[in-house]
């Protein structure tokens, strides 16, 4: 789906046969279950309290249970860069940046292969290995997403009202034990930093 809870809610409506557990967005809003269908701080706070209480009753803690989830499912880290340019020239520079990334999609970023490139403006997804394309069946939006071989995702979206562009990074890797958390977290930080440097987003 696209940005915002109205699109999360639309996915619930479009796929009623699936169980919806929860949804969130980069700005920290969260929605529990499918009965509110908008960001819901009250229910999210109650859920957090229930998790903490259940963890304590089992001799654990909220933090330890989170670490256990990382061991089971992998550690995920996300990062956002917002770049603002000045005036009409800045807006044109951002427009050209999106044109370049759209018309000449990168096949490799920071020495990691790009597997899939999605262009939500043209509603086309391209397999970068085979060159095959298929359509994206959601409303058009000026968004590009790169999916890398190591599981990293990079999304870019310019503002429609000001000379600003946002880059969203999501990286993940396996974490074998709780004691590995800090080391694994640093590895993901370095991966994201390497991508930012490769794209020259300074």
Protein backbone atom coordinates (compact mmCIF):
# COMPACT_ATOMS: atom_id res chain seq x y z
CA UNK A 1 0.00 0.00 0.00
CA UNK A 2 0.89 3.68 -0.09
CA UNK A 3 1.76 6.03 2.76
CA UNK A 4 -0.76 6.54 5.56
CA UNK A 5 -3.34 4.62 7.53
CA UNK A 6 -6.08 5.05 4.94
CA UNK A 7 -4.01 2.76 2.70
CA UNK A 8 -3.39 0.27 5.50
CA UNK A 9 -7.15 0.24 6.09
CA UNK A 10 -7.74 -0.23 2.36
CA UNK A 11 -5.55 -3.35 2.40
CA UNK A 12 -7.75 -4.75 5.19
CA UNK A 13 -10.85 -4.06 3.10
CA UNK A 14 -9.32 -5.51 -0.08
CA UNK A 15 -8.20 -8.75 1.60
CA UNK A 16 -10.95 -9.68 4.10
CA UNK A 17 -9.95 -13.35 3.96
CA UNK A 18 -6.63 -12.56 5.67
CA UNK A 19 -6.14 -11.96 9.40
CA UNK A 20 -4.83 -8.46 10.14
CA UNK A 21 -2.69 -8.24 13.28
CA UNK A 22 -1.41 -4.68 13.33
CA UNK A 23 -0.06 -1.88 11.18
CA UNK A 24 2.29 1.03 11.69
CA UNK A 25 4.06 3.78 9.80
CA UNK A 26 7.35 5.65 9.95
CA UNK A 27 5.85 8.49 12.01
CA UNK A 28 5.24 6.00 14.88
CA UNK A 29 1.46 5.69 14.57
CA UNK A 30 0.13 2.19 15.24
CA UNK A 31 -3.14 0.34 14.70
CA UNK A 32 -4.08 -2.84 16.56
CA UNK A 33 -6.57 -5.18 14.90
CA UNK A 34 -9.04 -4.11 12.23
CA UNK A 35 -11.82 -2.38 14.17
CA UNK A 36 -10.51 1.23 14.30
CA UNK A 37 -8.76 1.39 10.90
CA UNK A 38 -6.76 4.47 11.80
CA UNK A 39 -3.82 5.27 14.09
CA UNK A 40 -4.93 4.39 17.61
CA UNK A 41 -2.62 5.41 20.46
CA UNK A 42 -5.01 4.25 23.20
CA UNK A 43 -5.24 0.64 22.03
CA UNK A 44 -1.51 0.59 21.19
CA UNK A 45 -0.68 1.73 24.74
CA UNK A 46 -2.97 -0.94 26.21
CA UNK A 47 -1.29 -3.59 24.07
CA UNK A 48 2.15 -2.45 25.27
CA UNK A 49 0.97 -2.69 28.88
CA UNK A 50 -0.43 -6.17 28.27
CA UNK A 51 2.84 -7.35 26.71
CA UNK A 52 4.81 -5.95 29.66
CA UNK A 53 2.47 -7.56 32.22
CA UNK A 54 2.49 -10.94 30.47
CA UNK A 55 6.28 -10.85 30.15
CA UNK A 56 6.69 -10.06 33.85
CA UNK A 57 4.29 -12.84 34.88
CA UNK A 58 6.45 -15.26 32.89
CA UNK A 59 9.64 -14.08 34.58
CA UNK A 60 10.77 -12.10 31.56
CA UNK A 61 10.55 -8.46 30.44
CA UNK A 62 9.34 -6.45 27.48
CA UNK A 63 12.97 -5.96 26.43
CA UNK A 64 13.88 -9.65 26.66
CA UNK A 65 10.83 -10.66 24.64
CA UNK A 66 11.79 -8.13 21.96
CA UNK A 67 15.30 -9.59 21.86
CA UNK A 68 13.81 -13.09 21.51
CA UNK A 69 11.80 -11.89 18.51
CA UNK A 70 14.98 -10.57 16.92
CA UNK A 71 16.64 -13.97 17.38
CA UNK A 72 13.61 -15.72 15.89
CA UNK A 73 12.84 -13.37 12.99
CA UNK A 74 16.01 -11.31 12.49
CA UNK A 75 17.03 -7.79 13.47
CA UNK A 76 15.54 -4.95 11.44
CA UNK A 77 16.72 -1.35 11.39
CA UNK A 78 15.25 1.61 9.54
CA UNK A 79 16.60 5.04 8.75
CA UNK A 80 15.18 8.17 7.15
CA UNK A 81 17.01 10.96 5.36
CA UNK A 82 15.12 14.10 4.39
CA UNK A 83 16.90 16.39 1.94
CA UNK A 84 15.65 19.94 1.40
CA UNK A 85 16.83 22.07 -1.52
CA UNK A 86 16.33 25.80 -1.92
CA UNK A 87 13.89 27.52 -4.25
CA UNK A 88 12.85 26.70 -7.80
CA UNK A 89 16.32 25.40 -8.67
CA UNK A 90 16.15 23.01 -5.72
CA UNK A 91 12.76 21.71 -6.82
CA UNK A 92 14.12 21.15 -10.34
CA UNK A 93 17.17 19.34 -8.93
CA UNK A 94 14.95 16.94 -7.00
CA UNK A 95 12.74 16.42 -10.05
CA UNK A 96 15.82 15.54 -12.11
CA UNK A 97 17.05 13.19 -9.39
CA UNK A 98 13.80 11.21 -9.61
CA UNK A 99 13.91 11.23 -13.43
CA UNK A 100 17.45 9.82 -13.41
CA UNK A 101 16.63 7.10 -10.86
CA UNK A 102 13.44 6.24 -12.77
CA UNK A 103 14.77 6.18 -16.32
CA UNK A 104 18.13 4.62 -15.45
CA UNK A 105 17.47 2.34 -12.46
CA UNK A 106 20.58 1.23 -10.60
CA UNK A 107 21.53 -2.42 -11.02
CA UNK A 108 23.85 -2.35 -8.00
CA UNK A 109 24.06 -0.20 -4.87
CA UNK A 110 27.15 -0.27 -2.65
CA UNK A 111 28.34 -3.48 -4.37
CA UNK A 112 25.03 -5.26 -3.70
CA UNK A 113 22.82 -6.35 -6.60
CA UNK A 114 19.38 -4.81 -7.06
CA UNK A 115 16.84 -7.62 -7.47
CA UNK A 116 13.67 -5.62 -8.04
CA UNK A 117 12.86 -2.02 -8.95
CA UNK A 118 9.36 -0.62 -8.43
CA UNK A 119 8.10 2.59 -10.00
CA UNK A 120 4.74 3.58 -8.56
CA UNK A 121 4.38 6.49 -10.99
CA UNK A 122 4.36 4.20 -14.02
CA UNK A 123 2.88 1.28 -12.03
CA UNK A 124 5.69 -0.99 -13.23
CA UNK A 125 7.93 -3.40 -11.30
CA UNK A 126 11.07 -4.65 -13.03
CA UNK A 127 13.06 -7.80 -12.26
CA UNK A 128 16.60 -6.49 -12.65
CA UNK A 129 18.06 -9.93 -13.41
CA UNK A 130 15.70 -10.99 -16.18
CA UNK A 131 14.47 -7.58 -17.29
CA UNK A 132 10.88 -8.80 -17.05
CA UNK A 133 8.25 -6.30 -15.98
CA UNK A 134 4.84 -6.62 -14.36
CA UNK A 135 2.20 -4.11 -13.35
CA UNK A 136 1.64 -2.72 -9.84
CA UNK A 137 -2.07 -2.58 -9.09
CA UNK A 138 -2.32 0.35 -6.69
CA UNK A 139 -2.93 4.10 -7.28
CA UNK A 140 -0.09 5.99 -8.92
CA UNK A 141 2.35 7.86 -6.69
CA UNK A 142 5.75 9.46 -7.23
CA UNK A 143 7.61 6.74 -5.33
CA UNK A 144 10.53 4.49 -6.29
CA UNK A 145 11.61 1.40 -4.34
CA UNK A 146 14.77 -0.65 -4.76
CA UNK A 147 14.98 -4.20 -3.33
CA UNK A 148 18.54 -5.42 -2.81
CA UNK A 149 19.95 -8.95 -2.74
CA UNK A 150 20.81 -8.70 0.98
CA UNK A 151 17.21 -7.86 1.92
CA UNK A 152 17.71 -4.11 2.13
CA UNK A 153 14.96 -1.86 0.78
CA UNK A 154 15.40 1.75 -0.31
CA UNK A 155 12.38 3.94 -1.02
CA UNK A 156 12.45 7.51 -2.29
CA UNK A 157 9.59 9.99 -2.36
CA UNK A 158 9.66 13.71 -3.13
CA UNK A 159 7.32 16.16 -1.44
CA UNK A 160 4.49 17.44 -3.57
CA UNK A 161 4.46 20.87 -1.91
CA UNK A 162 8.08 21.83 -1.19
CA UNK A 163 11.59 21.17 -2.57
CA UNK A 164 12.19 18.16 -0.36
CA UNK A 165 12.86 14.47 -0.96
CA UNK A 166 12.84 11.63 1.56
CA UNK A 167 14.86 8.43 1.42
CA UNK A 168 13.70 5.49 3.54
CA UNK A 169 16.11 2.66 4.32
CA UNK A 170 15.17 -0.73 5.77
CA UNK A 171 17.89 -3.30 6.47
CA UNK A 172 17.75 -6.68 8.19
CA UNK A 173 19.92 -9.64 9.04
CA UNK A 174 19.85 -12.73 11.24
CA UNK A 175 20.76 -12.44 14.92
CA UNK A 176 21.91 -15.73 16.42
CA UNK A 177 21.69 -14.79 20.11
CA UNK A 178 20.69 -11.91 22.37
CA UNK A 179 24.37 -11.31 23.18
CA UNK A 180 24.92 -10.54 19.48
CA UNK A 181 22.48 -7.61 19.48
CA UNK A 182 24.94 -4.71 19.71
CA UNK A 183 27.32 -6.19 17.14
CA UNK A 184 24.49 -7.01 14.72
CA UNK A 185 22.95 -3.57 15.18
CA UNK A 186 26.30 -1.93 14.34
CA UNK A 187 26.58 -4.09 11.21
CA UNK A 188 23.19 -2.85 10.00
CA UNK A 189 24.16 0.75 10.80
CA UNK A 190 27.30 0.33 8.70
CA UNK A 191 25.30 -1.21 5.85
CA UNK A 192 22.90 1.73 5.77
CA UNK A 193 25.78 4.20 6.07
CA UNK A 194 27.50 2.52 3.13
CA UNK A 195 24.38 2.86 0.98
CA UNK A 196 24.00 6.53 1.92
CA UNK A 197 27.63 7.15 0.94
CA UNK A 198 27.23 5.20 -2.31
CA UNK A 199 24.19 7.30 -3.25
CA UNK A 200 26.03 10.48 -2.17
CA UNK A 201 23.18 11.60 0.07
CA UNK A 202 25.08 14.09 2.21
